Amino acid sequence: MRTLTVLGLLAAVWGALRTEGFSVQGPKEPLVARPGDEVLLPCSVDSTVSLQELEVEWRRTDSEVLVLLFSEGASRPESQHQSYRGRAELFPQEIPRGNFSLRLANVTAEDSGVYRCAVHTAQGSGETTVELKEKKSLVVTGADRAVVSYPGGEVVLNCSVDTHIPPEQLEVQWLRTDSKVLVLLFSGGESRPESQHQSYQGRAELFPQEIPRGNFSLRLKDVRTEDKGQFVCRVFAENESAEATAELIELGFSSIHVGALLLAFSLPVLLILMWIGYCFDKDVPVRTFLIASNVVLSISFVLWGVTAGSLEEVIMCVTVNLLRIVPLLAFLVSALHISHCTLVVVEEIPITRKAL
C-alpha cells in the first residue's frame, strides 16, 4: 500500500511538470542577486511550441502578483503589476524555441521570493518555480576555528569582506568583545593608529596590499597573555553593517618562558646548596648565595614580563624582589647566629660536667 502511495505521488508530480509531450524546466538551485543587479529567471520547455494559443504567466507564488503575461503572440505589459512594469520582460526571439526565461532588471529587496512560470498551449499545460534570494551587499566572514598562539608569538585573525563597495567607503573596526577595547580602526581608506588602545599600538595592523581584495585580516604581533579571548571584526558600509568573530585560545609557553620558569625553580636549589655549604663550612659567603638567588629570580621576572606582561609589571616585580633581600638577610643571619650559639652551648656542656 505504501509503495502504491509513493508511486501515485511521483506520478502526480510528473504529471504537473509534463503534459502532452512537453515539460517545463527551471533551475534546481535558488538564484541570488544583489539590489540593483539584473537577473535571469530560467523557464523553458523541451521542444518547440506553436505561438498559436500559447500563454505564458509569470507570477509570485506568495501573493499571486502577475509579473508578466504573454498571450496571443505578444507580451501584455498593461496586465503587469505596476512594481514590475519596465523591469520584467521575455526574450521575443527565444519564445518560438520554447525559451520563456524572464529578465528582471534593477532587482530590489522586495523581489526576493518564489516565482511560478506557467505555460499553457493547445496540447496541454505545465509549470515550474524559481526562487530568488537577495545577496547581501555586505558579507563578512571570519575563521571557522580558533587561533592558537603563545606569548611573544604572532597570529593572524581572519576577516574577509565581500562587497561591491570600494574600501574607501568602508569603516572596519577590530574590537575585543569582552571589554570593547578598540584594537584597530580602518576608516577613510587607511588605518587610524591614533584611535587604537595603547596596549595594541605597534602590535596590531592590517595587510595593506590585501585590502583591495576585501581582506581585512588582523596581524597581532608580540602576543600577550591578556590577548587571549574573542575579537570581533565589525564592518560598516552605507546603511548596513556586518561582523565576524575570531578567537585566540590556548596560549602556551615559548622557549623564553620555559627558560624563565627554569630560572625561577632553580632558586630553591640555590638555597639548599647554600644551607648545605654553611653546615659544612662556616666560611661560605651566605650573603653571596642570597643575593645571587634573588638576582636569578629577578632575571626570570624580566624574561616573563617582556614576553607576557607590561613594562610596569616588570619594574614592580623586580623592585619588590630586590627589596626583600634586606629582611631575608636579617632573618637568615639571626637564624644562623641562633644555630651557631646552640652548637657552642652543646659543645661546652660535657666540658663543664667533666670539670665537676
Protein backbone atom coordinates (compact mmCIF):
# COMPACT_ATOMS: atom_id res chain seq x y z
CA MET A 1 0.00 0.00 0.00
CA ARG A 2 2.80 2.43 0.93
CA THR A 3 4.59 1.63 -2.35
CA LEU A 4 1.46 2.45 -4.34
CA THR A 5 1.04 5.74 -2.47
CA VAL A 6 4.62 6.80 -3.26
CA LEU A 7 4.18 5.87 -6.90
CA GLY A 8 0.96 7.85 -7.03
CA LEU A 9 2.67 10.94 -5.62
CA LEU A 10 5.51 10.63 -8.11
CA ALA A 11 3.05 10.28 -10.95
CA ALA A 12 1.17 13.39 -9.79
CA VAL A 13 4.36 15.44 -9.61
CA TRP A 14 5.48 14.27 -13.03
CA GLY A 15 2.08 14.99 -14.45
CA ALA A 16 2.24 18.57 -13.15
CA LEU A 17 5.56 19.12 -14.88
CA ARG A 18 4.90 17.22 -18.07
CA THR A 19 1.73 17.02 -20.13
CA GLU A 20 1.02 16.06 -23.70
CA GLY A 21 4.60 15.77 -24.89
CA PHE A 22 6.44 18.63 -23.15
CA SER A 23 7.74 19.51 -19.71
CA VAL A 24 8.57 22.88 -18.20
CA GLN A 25 12.08 23.16 -16.85
CA GLY A 26 13.60 25.56 -14.35
CA PRO A 27 16.73 25.85 -12.18
CA LYS A 28 17.37 23.30 -9.45
CA GLU A 29 19.01 25.78 -7.09
CA PRO A 30 17.82 29.19 -5.85
CA LEU A 31 19.15 32.25 -7.68
CA VAL A 32 20.96 35.03 -5.83
CA ALA A 33 21.12 38.70 -6.80
CA ARG A 34 22.12 41.97 -5.16
CA PRO A 35 19.85 45.01 -5.16
CA GLY A 36 20.36 46.88 -8.41
CA ASP A 37 21.50 43.79 -10.32
CA GLU A 38 19.88 42.19 -13.35
CA VAL A 39 18.90 38.54 -13.04
CA LEU A 40 17.62 35.86 -15.42
CA LEU A 41 14.85 33.52 -14.18
CA PRO A 42 15.08 30.39 -16.41
CA CYS A 43 11.95 28.76 -17.78
CA SER A 44 11.81 26.59 -20.90
CA VAL A 45 10.16 23.58 -22.49
CA ASP A 46 11.95 20.62 -24.03
CA SER A 47 10.53 21.19 -27.52
CA THR A 48 9.49 23.97 -29.84
CA VAL A 49 5.97 25.24 -29.43
CA SER A 50 3.48 26.97 -31.67
CA LEU A 51 2.68 30.57 -30.79
CA GLN A 52 -0.98 29.88 -31.53
CA GLU A 53 -2.92 29.65 -28.28
CA LEU A 54 0.37 29.96 -26.33
CA GLU A 55 0.07 31.69 -23.00
CA VAL A 56 2.87 32.21 -20.50
CA GLU A 57 2.33 33.56 -16.99
CA TRP A 58 4.98 34.64 -14.56
CA ARG A 59 3.56 35.12 -11.06
CA ARG A 60 4.71 35.47 -7.45
CA THR A 61 3.63 32.37 -5.53
CA ASP A 62 3.23 34.24 -2.25
CA SER A 63 0.87 36.96 -3.48
CA GLU A 64 -0.20 35.79 -6.97
CA VAL A 65 1.05 39.13 -8.30
CA LEU A 66 1.23 38.97 -12.09
CA VAL A 67 4.84 39.67 -13.04
CA LEU A 68 4.42 39.17 -16.80
CA LEU A 69 1.83 37.83 -19.21
CA PHE A 70 2.48 36.61 -22.77
CA SER A 71 -0.71 35.96 -24.69
CA GLU A 72 -1.89 35.92 -28.30
CA GLY A 73 1.65 36.18 -29.62
CA ALA A 74 2.73 39.24 -27.58
CA SER A 75 3.57 40.43 -24.09
CA ARG A 76 0.81 42.28 -22.23
CA PRO A 77 2.51 44.99 -20.17
CA GLU A 78 -0.87 46.51 -19.29
CA SER A 79 -1.60 43.36 -17.27
CA GLN A 80 1.61 43.52 -15.25
CA HIS A 81 1.68 44.63 -11.66
CA GLN A 82 2.96 48.19 -11.54
CA SER A 83 6.04 47.22 -9.50
CA TYR A 84 7.30 45.09 -12.42
CA ARG A 85 6.47 47.37 -15.34
CA GLY A 86 9.56 48.28 -17.31
CA ARG A 87 11.66 45.78 -15.32
CA ALA A 88 10.36 42.32 -16.34
CA GLU A 89 10.42 41.04 -19.92
CA LEU A 90 10.87 37.93 -22.06
CA PHE A 91 13.23 37.39 -24.99
CA PRO A 92 10.93 37.59 -28.07
CA GLN A 93 13.39 35.81 -30.38
CA GLU A 94 13.67 32.90 -27.94
CA ILE A 95 9.95 32.26 -27.45
CA PRO A 96 9.46 30.10 -30.62
CA ARG A 97 12.31 27.89 -29.38
CA GLY A 98 10.45 27.22 -26.15
CA ASN A 99 12.53 29.61 -24.01
CA PHE A 100 10.32 31.71 -21.71
CA SER A 101 13.04 32.91 -19.33
CA LEU A 102 12.28 36.17 -17.54
CA ARG A 103 14.78 39.02 -17.41
CA LEU A 104 14.30 41.06 -14.25
CA ALA A 105 16.20 44.35 -14.14
CA ASN A 106 17.04 46.64 -11.22
CA VAL A 107 16.42 43.96 -8.59
CA THR A 108 15.12 45.17 -5.23
CA ALA A 109 14.98 43.53 -1.83
CA GLU A 110 11.20 43.10 -2.27
CA ASP A 111 11.80 40.91 -5.35
CA SER A 112 13.03 38.07 -3.15
CA GLY A 113 10.66 35.10 -3.19
CA VAL A 114 9.39 32.24 -5.34
CA TYR A 115 8.16 32.78 -8.89
CA ARG A 116 5.99 30.42 -10.92
CA CYS A 117 6.31 30.10 -14.69
CA ALA A 118 3.12 28.55 -16.11
CA VAL A 119 2.94 27.56 -19.80
CA HIS A 120 -0.40 26.86 -21.48
CA THR A 121 -0.74 25.53 -25.03
CA ALA A 122 -3.35 23.75 -27.07
CA GLN A 123 -1.58 20.47 -26.25
CA GLY A 124 -1.52 20.96 -22.52
CA SER A 125 -0.04 22.92 -19.62
CA GLY A 126 2.94 22.80 -17.32
CA GLU A 127 4.80 24.92 -14.81
CA THR A 128 7.98 25.28 -12.81
CA THR A 129 9.12 27.51 -9.95
CA VAL A 130 12.18 29.69 -9.47
CA GLU A 131 13.39 31.01 -6.12
CA LEU A 132 15.16 34.36 -5.98
CA LYS A 133 17.18 35.33 -2.92
CA GLU A 134 18.74 38.63 -2.05
CA LYS A 135 22.50 38.66 -1.88
CA LYS A 136 23.58 40.99 0.84
CA SER A 137 25.70 43.83 -0.44
CA LEU A 138 27.91 43.38 2.62
CA VAL A 139 29.01 39.94 3.80
CA VAL A 140 31.72 39.49 6.44
CA THR A 141 33.25 36.11 7.20
CA GLY A 142 35.86 35.01 9.72
CA ALA A 143 37.76 31.88 10.64
CA ASP A 144 36.00 28.56 11.25
CA ARG A 145 38.24 27.67 14.18
CA ALA A 146 40.04 29.42 17.00
CA VAL A 147 43.65 30.56 16.63
CA VAL A 148 46.33 29.18 18.96
CA SER A 149 49.49 31.05 19.90
CA TYR A 150 51.94 31.67 22.74
CA PRO A 151 53.12 34.88 24.40
CA GLY A 152 55.63 36.64 22.22
CA GLY A 153 54.36 34.98 19.06
CA GLU A 154 52.43 36.36 16.08
CA VAL A 155 48.94 35.43 14.86
CA VAL A 156 46.55 36.37 12.06
CA LEU A 157 42.84 36.78 12.85
CA ASN A 158 40.86 36.34 9.62
CA CYS A 159 38.24 38.80 8.37
CA SER A 160 37.05 38.76 4.76
CA VAL A 161 34.61 41.34 3.37
CA ASP A 162 32.54 40.52 0.28
CA THR A 163 31.07 43.72 -1.13
CA HIS A 164 30.92 45.84 -4.27
CA ILE A 165 31.53 48.94 -2.17
CA PRO A 166 35.10 50.30 -2.53
CA PRO A 167 37.34 50.11 0.57
CA GLU A 168 37.47 53.92 0.80
CA GLN A 169 33.76 53.89 1.71
CA LEU A 170 34.12 51.19 4.38
CA GLU A 171 34.79 51.51 8.08
CA VAL A 172 36.31 48.44 9.73
CA GLN A 173 36.63 48.10 13.49
CA TRP A 174 38.54 45.35 15.30
CA LEU A 175 37.31 45.16 18.90
CA ARG A 176 37.66 42.96 21.96
CA THR A 177 34.21 41.52 22.63
CA ASP A 178 34.70 41.36 26.40
CA SER A 179 35.93 44.91 27.04
CA LYS A 180 35.01 46.73 23.77
CA VAL A 181 38.64 47.86 23.56
CA LEU A 182 39.41 49.23 20.08
CA VAL A 183 42.20 47.07 18.68
CA LEU A 184 42.32 48.72 15.24
CA LEU A 185 40.30 51.19 13.16
CA PHE A 186 40.24 51.42 9.34
CA SER A 187 38.44 54.49 8.02
CA GLY A 188 38.67 56.76 5.01
CA GLY A 189 40.81 54.26 3.12
CA GLU A 190 43.56 53.96 5.77
CA SER A 191 44.30 52.67 9.26
CA ARG A 192 43.95 55.07 12.20
CA PRO A 193 46.66 54.12 14.72
CA GLU A 194 45.88 57.18 16.86
CA SER A 195 42.49 55.60 17.67
CA GLN A 196 43.95 52.29 18.87
CA HIS A 197 44.03 51.37 22.52
CA GLN A 198 47.54 51.90 23.83
CA SER A 199 48.00 48.20 24.59
CA TYR A 200 47.68 47.42 20.87
CA GLN A 201 49.60 50.31 19.35
CA GLY A 202 52.52 48.98 17.33
CA ARG A 203 51.24 45.39 17.68
CA ALA A 204 48.02 45.28 15.63
CA GLU A 205 47.93 46.02 11.91
CA LEU A 206 46.23 45.09 8.63
CA PHE A 207 47.78 43.87 5.37
CA PRO A 208 47.59 46.97 3.10
CA GLN A 209 48.16 45.02 -0.11
CA GLU A 210 45.22 42.72 0.71
CA ILE A 211 42.64 45.42 1.47
CA PRO A 212 41.60 45.96 -2.20
CA ARG A 213 40.73 42.24 -2.28
CA GLY A 214 38.44 42.63 0.72
CA ASN A 215 40.90 41.04 3.15
CA PHE A 216 40.84 42.92 6.47
CA SER A 217 42.58 40.21 8.49
CA LEU A 218 44.36 41.45 11.62
CA ARG A 219 48.01 40.67 12.28
CA LEU A 220 48.70 40.69 16.01
CA LYS A 221 52.37 40.73 16.95
CA ASP A 222 54.11 40.15 20.28
CA VAL A 223 51.11 38.25 21.67
CA ARG A 224 50.49 38.65 25.38
CA THR A 225 48.63 36.52 27.90
CA GLU A 226 45.88 39.12 28.23
CA ASP A 227 45.24 38.91 24.46
CA LYS A 228 43.52 35.59 24.99
CA GLY A 229 39.82 35.89 24.20
CA GLN A 230 37.39 36.79 21.45
CA PHE A 231 37.77 39.57 18.89
CA VAL A 232 35.13 40.97 16.52
CA CYS A 233 35.65 42.41 13.04
CA ARG A 234 32.81 44.89 12.51
CA VAL A 235 32.28 46.47 9.08
CA PHE A 236 30.09 49.48 8.30
CA ALA A 237 29.04 50.45 4.77
CA GLU A 238 26.37 52.98 3.80
CA ASN A 239 23.22 51.96 5.71
CA GLU A 240 24.22 48.46 6.75
CA SER A 241 26.76 46.64 8.85
CA ALA A 242 28.01 43.10 9.34
CA GLU A 243 30.53 41.38 11.56
CA ALA A 244 32.51 38.21 12.18
CA THR A 245 34.35 36.95 15.24
CA ALA A 246 37.76 35.41 15.81
CA GLU A 247 39.03 33.72 18.94
CA LEU A 248 42.53 33.41 20.38
CA ILE A 249 42.87 30.48 22.78
CA GLU A 250 45.23 28.02 24.48
CA LEU A 251 48.22 30.23 24.98
CA GLY A 252 51.24 28.00 25.51
CA PHE A 253 54.83 28.64 26.62
CA SER A 254 57.59 29.87 24.37
CA SER A 255 61.24 28.90 24.82
CA ILE A 256 61.81 32.17 26.71
CA HIS A 257 59.02 31.28 29.13
CA VAL A 258 60.49 27.85 29.69
CA GLY A 259 63.84 29.45 30.46
CA ALA A 260 62.21 31.88 32.88
CA LEU A 261 60.45 29.04 34.69
CA LEU A 262 63.69 27.06 34.96
CA LEU A 263 65.45 30.07 36.47
CA ALA A 264 62.61 30.57 38.94
CA PHE A 265 62.65 26.91 40.00
CA SER A 266 66.43 27.00 40.40
CA LEU A 267 66.00 29.35 43.38
CA PRO A 268 65.12 26.57 45.89
CA VAL A 269 68.12 24.59 44.66
CA LEU A 270 70.43 27.55 45.36
CA LEU A 271 69.01 27.96 48.87
CA ILE A 272 69.52 24.25 49.64
CA LEU A 273 73.10 24.40 48.36
CA MET A 274 73.69 27.47 50.48
CA TRP A 275 72.44 25.75 53.65
CA ILE A 276 74.44 22.58 52.98
CA GLY A 277 77.54 24.64 52.30
CA TYR A 278 77.17 26.55 55.52
CA CYS A 279 76.69 23.39 57.58
CA PHE A 280 80.00 22.01 56.33
CA ASP A 281 81.89 25.24 56.11
CA LYS A 282 81.02 28.27 58.23
CA ASP A 283 83.06 30.47 55.94
CA VAL A 284 80.67 30.05 53.00
CA PRO A 285 79.54 33.55 51.91
CA VAL A 286 75.85 33.38 52.78
CA ARG A 287 75.14 36.86 51.52
CA THR A 288 76.54 35.96 48.10
CA PHE A 289 74.19 32.98 47.75
CA LEU A 290 71.22 35.00 48.90
CA ILE A 291 71.90 37.90 46.56
CA ALA A 292 72.61 35.54 43.66
CA SER A 293 69.32 33.70 44.15
CA ASN A 294 67.34 36.95 44.11
CA VAL A 295 69.18 38.16 41.04
CA VAL A 296 68.27 34.91 39.27
CA LEU A 297 64.62 35.37 40.26
CA SER A 298 64.70 38.98 39.04
CA ILE A 299 66.04 37.84 35.66
CA SER A 300 63.17 35.35 35.37
CA PHE A 301 60.70 38.16 36.16
CA VAL A 302 62.24 40.28 33.41
CA LEU A 303 62.05 37.47 30.84
CA TRP A 304 58.46 36.67 31.73
CA GLY A 305 57.38 40.29 31.79
CA VAL A 306 58.95 41.14 28.45
CA THR A 307 57.05 38.38 26.66
CA ALA A 308 53.75 38.24 28.52
CA GLY A 309 53.33 41.39 30.60
CA SER A 310 53.99 45.08 30.55
CA LEU A 311 56.95 47.28 31.50
CA GLU A 312 55.16 48.41 34.66
CA GLU A 313 54.73 44.79 35.79
CA VAL A 314 58.41 44.06 35.19
CA ILE A 315 59.59 47.08 37.22
CA MET A 316 57.23 46.31 40.09
CA CYS A 317 58.15 42.61 40.34
CA VAL A 318 61.90 43.22 40.11
CA THR A 319 61.80 46.06 42.68
CA VAL A 320 59.80 44.02 45.21
CA ASN A 321 62.05 41.03 44.68
CA LEU A 322 65.27 43.01 45.22
CA LEU A 323 63.94 44.89 48.25
CA ARG A 324 63.08 41.66 50.05
CA ILE A 325 66.79 40.80 50.18
CA VAL A 326 67.17 43.06 53.24
CA PRO A 327 64.65 41.29 55.54
CA LEU A 328 65.79 37.91 54.23
CA LEU A 329 69.38 38.70 55.10
CA ALA A 330 68.40 39.83 58.58
CA PHE A 331 66.30 36.73 59.16
CA LEU A 332 68.95 34.38 57.82
CA VAL A 333 71.75 35.95 59.84
CA SER A 334 69.63 35.71 63.00
CA ALA A 335 68.76 32.09 62.30
CA LEU A 336 72.38 31.16 61.66
CA HIS A 337 73.51 33.02 64.78
CA ILE A 338 71.00 31.16 66.97
CA SER A 339 72.04 27.87 65.42
CA HIS A 340 75.71 28.66 66.00
CA CYS A 341 75.10 29.63 69.63
CA THR A 342 73.19 26.40 70.24
CA LEU A 343 76.08 24.36 68.89
CA VAL A 344 78.53 26.20 71.12
CA VAL A 345 76.42 25.54 74.25
CA VAL A 346 76.06 21.86 73.39
CA GLU A 347 79.83 21.53 72.93
CA GLU A 348 80.61 23.22 76.27
CA ILE A 349 78.19 21.13 78.38
CA PRO A 350 80.40 17.96 78.50
CA ILE A 351 83.42 20.03 79.48
CA THR A 352 81.57 21.55 82.41
CA ARG A 353 80.34 18.16 83.65
CA LYS A 354 83.88 16.75 83.46
CA ALA A 355 85.25 19.62 85.46
CA LEU A 356 82.69 18.97 88.19
